[in-house]
C-alpha atoms as a PDB file:
ATOM      1  CA  MET A   1     -50.973-120.899 -84.277  1.00  0.00           C
ATOM      2  CA  ASN A   2     -51.190-117.253 -82.560  1.00  0.00           C
ATOM      3  CA  LEU A   3     -54.246-117.939 -79.932  1.00  0.00           C
ATOM      4  CA  LEU A   4     -53.631-114.560 -78.939  1.00  0.00           C
ATOM      5  CA  PRO A   5     -53.043-112.395 -81.539  1.00  0.00           C
ATOM      6  CA  GLU A   6     -52.464-108.521 -80.347  1.00  0.00           C
ATOM      7  CA  VAL A   7     -55.279-106.029 -81.414  1.00  0.00           C
ATOM      8  CA  GLU A   8     -54.424-102.360 -80.945  1.00  0.00           C
ATOM      9  CA  ALA A   9     -57.478-100.325 -79.419  1.00  0.00           C
ATOM     10  CA  GLU A  10     -57.424 -97.241 -76.789  1.00  0.00           C
ATOM     11  CA  ASP A  11     -53.585 -96.673 -77.731  1.00  0.00           C
ATOM     12  CA  ASN A  12     -52.677-100.027 -76.100  1.00  0.00           C
ATOM     13  CA  ILE A  13     -52.212-103.309 -77.253  1.00  0.00           C
ATOM     14  CA  TRP A  14     -54.084-106.072 -75.789  1.00  0.00           C
ATOM     15  CA  LYS A  15     -54.291-109.894 -76.272  1.00  0.00           C
ATOM     16  CA  PHE A  16     -57.864-111.192 -75.549  1.00  0.00           C
ATOM     17  CA  MET A  17     -58.788-114.639 -74.670  1.00  0.00           C
ATOM     18  CA  GLY A  18     -62.696-115.456 -74.730  1.00  0.00           C
ATOM     19  CA  ILE A  19     -64.104-117.782 -72.137  1.00  0.00           C
ATOM     20  CA  TYR A  20     -67.891-119.006 -72.657  1.00  0.00           C
ATOM     21  CA  ALA A  21     -68.874-121.696 -69.949  1.00  0.00           C
ATOM     22  CA  LYS A  22     -69.981-122.009 -66.326  1.00  0.00           C
ATOM     23  CA  ASN A  23     -67.395-122.368 -63.235  1.00  0.00           C
ATOM     24  CA  ARG A  24     -65.433-125.286 -63.903  1.00  0.00           C
ATOM     25  CA  GLU A  25     -61.726-126.285 -63.505  1.00  0.00           C
ATOM     26  CA  GLU A  26     -61.027-125.532 -67.652  1.00  0.00           C
ATOM     27  CA  TRP A  27     -62.130-121.701 -67.171  1.00  0.00           C
ATOM     28  CA  THR A  28     -59.367-121.459 -64.195  1.00  0.00           C
ATOM     29  CA  MET A  29     -57.004-123.491 -66.559  1.00  0.00           C
ATOM     30  CA  THR A  30     -57.411-121.520 -69.722  1.00  0.00           C
ATOM     31  CA  ASP A  31     -57.892-118.103 -67.394  1.00  0.00           C
ATOM     32  CA  LEU A  32     -53.902-118.887 -65.576  1.00  0.00           C
ATOM     33  CA  ALA A  33     -52.865-119.828 -69.376  1.00  0.00           C
ATOM     34  CA  ALA A  34     -54.166-116.681 -70.610  1.00  0.00           C
ATOM     35  CA  LEU A  35     -52.852-114.449 -67.956  1.00  0.00           C
ATOM     36  CA  ARG A  36     -49.373-116.068 -68.284  1.00  0.00           C
ATOM     37  CA  GLN A  37     -49.141-115.107 -71.512  1.00  0.00           C
ATOM     38  CA  GLY A  38     -49.914-111.586 -71.109  1.00  0.00           C
ATOM     39  CA  GLY A  39     -53.859-111.966 -72.132  1.00  0.00           C
ATOM     40  CA  THR A  40     -57.132-110.259 -70.808  1.00  0.00           C
ATOM     41  CA  VAL A  41     -59.676-112.497 -70.355  1.00  0.00           C
ATOM     42  CA  ILE A  42     -63.223-112.009 -72.193  1.00  0.00           C
ATOM     43  CA  ALA A  43     -65.715-114.024 -70.082  1.00  0.00           C
ATOM     44  CA  PHE A  44     -69.194-114.783 -71.337  1.00  0.00           C
ATOM     45  CA  TYR A  45     -72.076-115.914 -69.714  1.00  0.00           C
ATOM     46  CA  ASP A  46     -75.459-117.620 -70.040  1.00  0.00           C
ATOM     47  CA  THR A  47     -77.411-114.930 -69.651  1.00  0.00           C
ATOM     48  CA  LEU A  48     -76.290-112.902 -72.479  1.00  0.00           C
ATOM     49  CA  GLY A  49     -77.929-113.194 -76.208  1.00  0.00           C
ATOM     50  CA  PRO A  50     -76.256-113.308 -79.241  1.00  0.00           C
ATOM     51  CA  ALA A  51     -76.339-109.524 -80.110  1.00  0.00           C
ATOM     52  CA  ALA A  52     -74.496-109.044 -76.790  1.00  0.00           C
ATOM     53  CA  VAL A  53     -71.920-111.357 -77.420  1.00  0.00           C
ATOM     54  CA  GLU A  54     -71.868-110.333 -80.921  1.00  0.00           C
ATOM     55  CA  PHE A  55     -71.415-106.949 -79.848  1.00  0.00           C
ATOM     56  CA  VAL A  56     -68.434-108.097 -77.639  1.00  0.00           C
ATOM     57  CA  ILE A  57     -67.016-110.041 -80.107  1.00  0.00           C
ATOM     58  CA  ARG A  58     -66.381-107.319 -82.508  1.00  0.00           C
ATOM     59  CA  GLN A  59     -65.421-104.601 -79.614  1.00  0.00           C
ATOM     60  CA  THR A  60     -62.277-106.878 -78.719  1.00  0.00           C
ATOM     61  CA  ARG A  61     -61.870-108.227 -82.347  1.00  0.00           C
ATOM     62  CA  LEU A  62     -61.767-111.835 -80.504  1.00  0.00           C
ATOM     63  CA  ALA A  63     -59.773-114.104 -82.448  1.00  0.00           C
ATOM     64  CA  THR A  64     -60.381-117.407 -79.353  1.00  0.00           C
ATOM     65  CA  ILE A  65     -62.998-118.672 -77.564  1.00  0.00           C
ATOM     66  CA  SER A  66     -62.610-121.618 -75.215  1.00  0.00           C
ATOM     67  CA  CYS A  67     -65.959-122.618 -74.179  1.00  0.00           C
ATOM     68  CA  ALA A  68     -68.326-125.442 -73.148  1.00  0.00           C
ATOM     69  CA  PHE A  69     -70.007-127.652 -75.756  1.00  0.00           C
ATOM     70  CA  SER A  70     -73.346-125.873 -75.158  1.00  0.00           C
ATOM     71  CA  SER A  71     -71.810-122.585 -76.389  1.00  0.00           C
ATOM     72  CA  LEU A  72     -69.918-124.249 -79.609  1.00  0.00           C
ATOM     73  CA  ARG A  73     -73.280-124.165 -82.011  1.00  0.00           C
ATOM     74  CA  PRO A  74     -74.192-120.472 -80.937  1.00  0.00           C
ATOM     75  CA  LEU A  75     -70.881-119.545 -81.828  1.00  0.00           C
ATOM     76  CA  ILE A  76     -70.620-121.056 -85.042  1.00  0.00           C
ATOM     77  CA  MET A  77     -74.042-119.958 -86.185  1.00  0.00           C
ATOM     78  CA  LEU A  78     -72.986-116.458 -85.359  1.00  0.00           C
ATOM     79  CA  LYS A  79     -69.755-116.803 -87.370  1.00  0.00           C
ATOM     80  CA  SER A  80     -71.207-118.491 -90.393  1.00  0.00           C
ATOM     81  CA  GLN A  81     -73.651-115.501 -90.399  1.00  0.00           C
ATOM     82  CA  GLY A  82     -70.954-112.891 -90.369  1.00  0.00           C
ATOM     83  CA  ARG A  83     -71.476-111.644 -87.171  1.00  0.00           C
ATOM     84  CA  ALA A  84     -68.130-112.832 -85.515  1.00  0.00           C
ATOM     85  CA  ASP A  85     -65.535-112.641 -88.556  1.00  0.00           C
ATOM     86  CA  SER A  86     -62.556-112.156 -86.254  1.00  0.00           C
ATOM     87  CA  ILE A  87     -63.210-115.989 -84.445  1.00  0.00           C
ATOM     88  CA  LYS A  88     -60.354-118.319 -85.824  1.00  0.00           C
ATOM     89  CA  ASN A  89     -60.672-120.545 -83.362  1.00  0.00           C
ATOM     90  CA  LEU A  90     -63.407-122.773 -80.874  1.00  0.00           C
ATOM     91  CA  ILE A  91     -61.230-124.469 -77.780  1.00  0.00           C
ATOM     92  CA  SER A  92     -63.882-126.813 -76.401  1.00  0.00           C
ATOM     93  CA  PHE A  93     -63.760-128.310 -73.296  1.00  0.00           C
ATOM     94  CA  ASP A  94     -65.770-131.053 -73.892  1.00  0.00           C
ATOM     95  CA  LYS A  95     -65.962-133.738 -76.297  1.00  0.00           C
ATOM     96  CA  PHE A  96     -68.147-133.109 -79.193  1.00  0.00           C
ATOM     97  CA  ASP A  97     -69.742-135.220 -82.613  1.00  0.00           C
ATOM     98  CA  GLU A  98     -67.757-134.804 -86.069  1.00  0.00           C
ATOM     99  CA  ASP A  99     -71.044-132.936 -87.547  1.00  0.00           C
ATOM    100  CA  VAL A 100     -69.863-130.056 -85.180  1.00  0.00           C
ATOM    101  CA  ARG A 101     -66.550-130.186 -86.429  1.00  0.00           C
ATOM    102  CA  ALA A 102     -67.529-130.281 -90.091  1.00  0.00           C
ATOM    103  CA  ASP A 103     -70.030-127.378 -89.124  1.00  0.00           C
ATOM    104  CA  ALA A 104     -67.034-125.316 -87.647  1.00  0.00           C
ATOM    105  CA  LYS A 105     -65.009-125.701 -90.780  1.00  0.00           C
ATOM    106  CA  ALA A 106     -67.526-125.031 -92.895  1.00  0.00           C
ATOM    107  CA  ALA A 107     -67.659-121.530 -91.090  1.00  0.00           C
ATOM    108  CA  GLY A 108     -64.111-121.069 -91.221  1.00  0.00           C
ATOM    109  CA  LEU A 109     -63.179-122.121 -87.895  1.00  0.00           C
END
Protein backbone atom coordinates (compact mmCIF):
# COMPACT_ATOMS: atom_id res chain seq x y z
CA MET A 1 0.00 0.00 0.00
CA ASN A 2 1.45 3.35 -1.05
CA LEU A 3 0.41 5.92 1.54
CA LEU A 4 2.35 8.70 -0.20
CA PRO A 5 1.67 8.38 -3.93
CA GLU A 6 3.44 10.79 -6.24
CA VAL A 7 1.44 13.77 -7.50
CA GLU A 8 2.67 15.91 -10.36
CA ALA A 9 1.97 19.63 -9.95
CA GLU A 10 3.75 22.88 -10.75
CA ASP A 11 6.47 21.05 -12.69
CA ASN A 12 7.38 19.00 -9.61
CA ILE A 13 6.68 15.59 -8.17
CA TRP A 14 5.14 15.74 -4.69
CA LYS A 15 4.30 13.14 -2.05
CA PHE A 16 1.76 14.52 0.43
CA MET A 17 0.71 13.31 3.89
CA GLY A 18 -2.15 15.02 5.68
CA ILE A 19 -2.29 15.41 9.46
CA TYR A 20 -5.57 16.51 11.05
CA ALA A 21 -5.10 16.68 14.83
CA LYS A 22 -3.95 18.91 17.63
CA ASN A 23 -0.29 18.71 18.61
CA ARG A 24 0.52 15.32 20.12
CA GLU A 25 3.18 12.63 19.98
CA GLU A 26 1.58 10.88 16.99
CA TRP A 27 1.58 14.16 15.05
CA THR A 28 5.35 14.38 15.38
CA MET A 29 5.88 10.70 14.55
CA THR A 30 3.74 11.05 11.41
CA ASP A 31 5.59 14.21 10.40
CA LEU A 32 9.00 12.56 10.79
CA ALA A 33 7.89 9.40 8.96
CA ALA A 34 6.54 11.42 6.03
CA LEU A 35 9.69 13.51 5.84
CA ARG A 36 11.81 10.34 5.93
CA GLN A 37 9.92 9.11 2.86
CA GLY A 38 10.39 12.41 1.02
CA GLY A 39 6.87 13.57 1.78
CA THR A 40 5.45 17.02 2.34
CA VAL A 41 3.10 17.35 5.31
CA ILE A 42 -0.23 19.10 4.89
CA ALA A 43 -1.48 20.25 8.30
CA PHE A 44 -5.19 20.71 8.94
CA TYR A 45 -6.44 22.71 11.92
CA ASP A 46 -9.63 22.67 13.97
CA THR A 47 -10.43 26.19 12.80
CA LEU A 48 -10.73 25.08 9.17
CA GLY A 49 -14.25 24.37 8.05
CA PRO A 50 -15.28 21.57 5.72
CA ALA A 51 -15.03 23.82 2.64
CA ALA A 52 -11.40 24.71 3.42
CA VAL A 53 -10.49 21.08 4.11
CA GLU A 54 -12.14 20.05 0.84
CA PHE A 55 -10.26 22.80 -1.05
CA VAL A 56 -6.86 21.68 0.30
CA ILE A 57 -7.58 18.00 -0.41
CA ARG A 58 -8.58 18.83 -4.00
CA GLN A 59 -5.57 21.11 -4.54
CA THR A 60 -3.06 18.53 -3.29
CA ARG A 61 -4.90 15.38 -4.45
CA LEU A 62 -4.15 14.08 -0.98
CA ALA A 63 -4.45 10.29 -0.61
CA THR A 64 -3.68 9.75 3.09
CA ILE A 65 -4.60 11.65 6.25
CA SER A 66 -3.49 10.70 9.76
CA CYS A 67 -5.97 12.12 12.22
CA ALA A 68 -7.48 12.28 15.67
CA PHE A 69 -10.77 10.49 16.29
CA SER A 70 -12.64 13.80 16.22
CA SER A 71 -11.65 14.27 12.56
CA LEU A 72 -12.64 10.80 11.35
CA ARG A 73 -16.36 11.36 10.84
CA PRO A 74 -15.99 14.74 9.05
CA LEU A 75 -13.42 13.22 6.68
CA ILE A 76 -15.57 10.15 6.04
CA MET A 77 -18.51 12.45 5.32
CA LEU A 78 -16.48 14.51 2.82
CA LYS A 79 -15.43 11.30 1.05
CA SER A 80 -18.95 9.85 1.00
CA GLN A 81 -20.33 13.12 -0.46
CA GLY A 82 -17.78 13.00 -3.31
CA ARG A 83 -16.00 16.09 -1.99
CA ALA A 84 -12.69 14.31 -1.25
CA ASP A 85 -12.36 11.71 -3.98
CA SER A 86 -8.56 11.46 -3.79
CA ILE A 87 -8.60 10.26 -0.16
CA LYS A 88 -7.91 6.53 0.00
CA ASN A 89 -6.55 6.09 3.54
CA LEU A 90 -7.38 7.45 6.98
CA ILE A 91 -5.02 6.57 9.80
CA SER A 92 -6.54 7.15 13.23
CA PHE A 93 -4.39 8.14 16.18
CA ASP A 94 -7.16 6.87 18.46
CA LYS A 95 -9.33 3.78 18.87
CA PHE A 96 -12.70 3.84 17.13
CA ASP A 97 -15.86 1.75 16.96
CA GLU A 98 -16.78 -0.74 14.28
CA ASP A 99 -19.56 1.56 13.05
CA VAL A 100 -16.90 4.13 12.11
CA ARG A 101 -14.96 1.43 10.25
CA ALA A 102 -18.15 0.37 8.44
CA ASP A 103 -18.92 3.97 7.44
CA ALA A 104 -15.35 4.42 6.18
CA LYS A 105 -15.54 1.22 4.16
CA ALA A 106 -18.89 2.24 2.68
CA ALA A 107 -17.32 5.57 1.63
CA GLY A 108 -14.49 3.77 -0.14
CA LEU A 109 -11.79 4.17 2.49
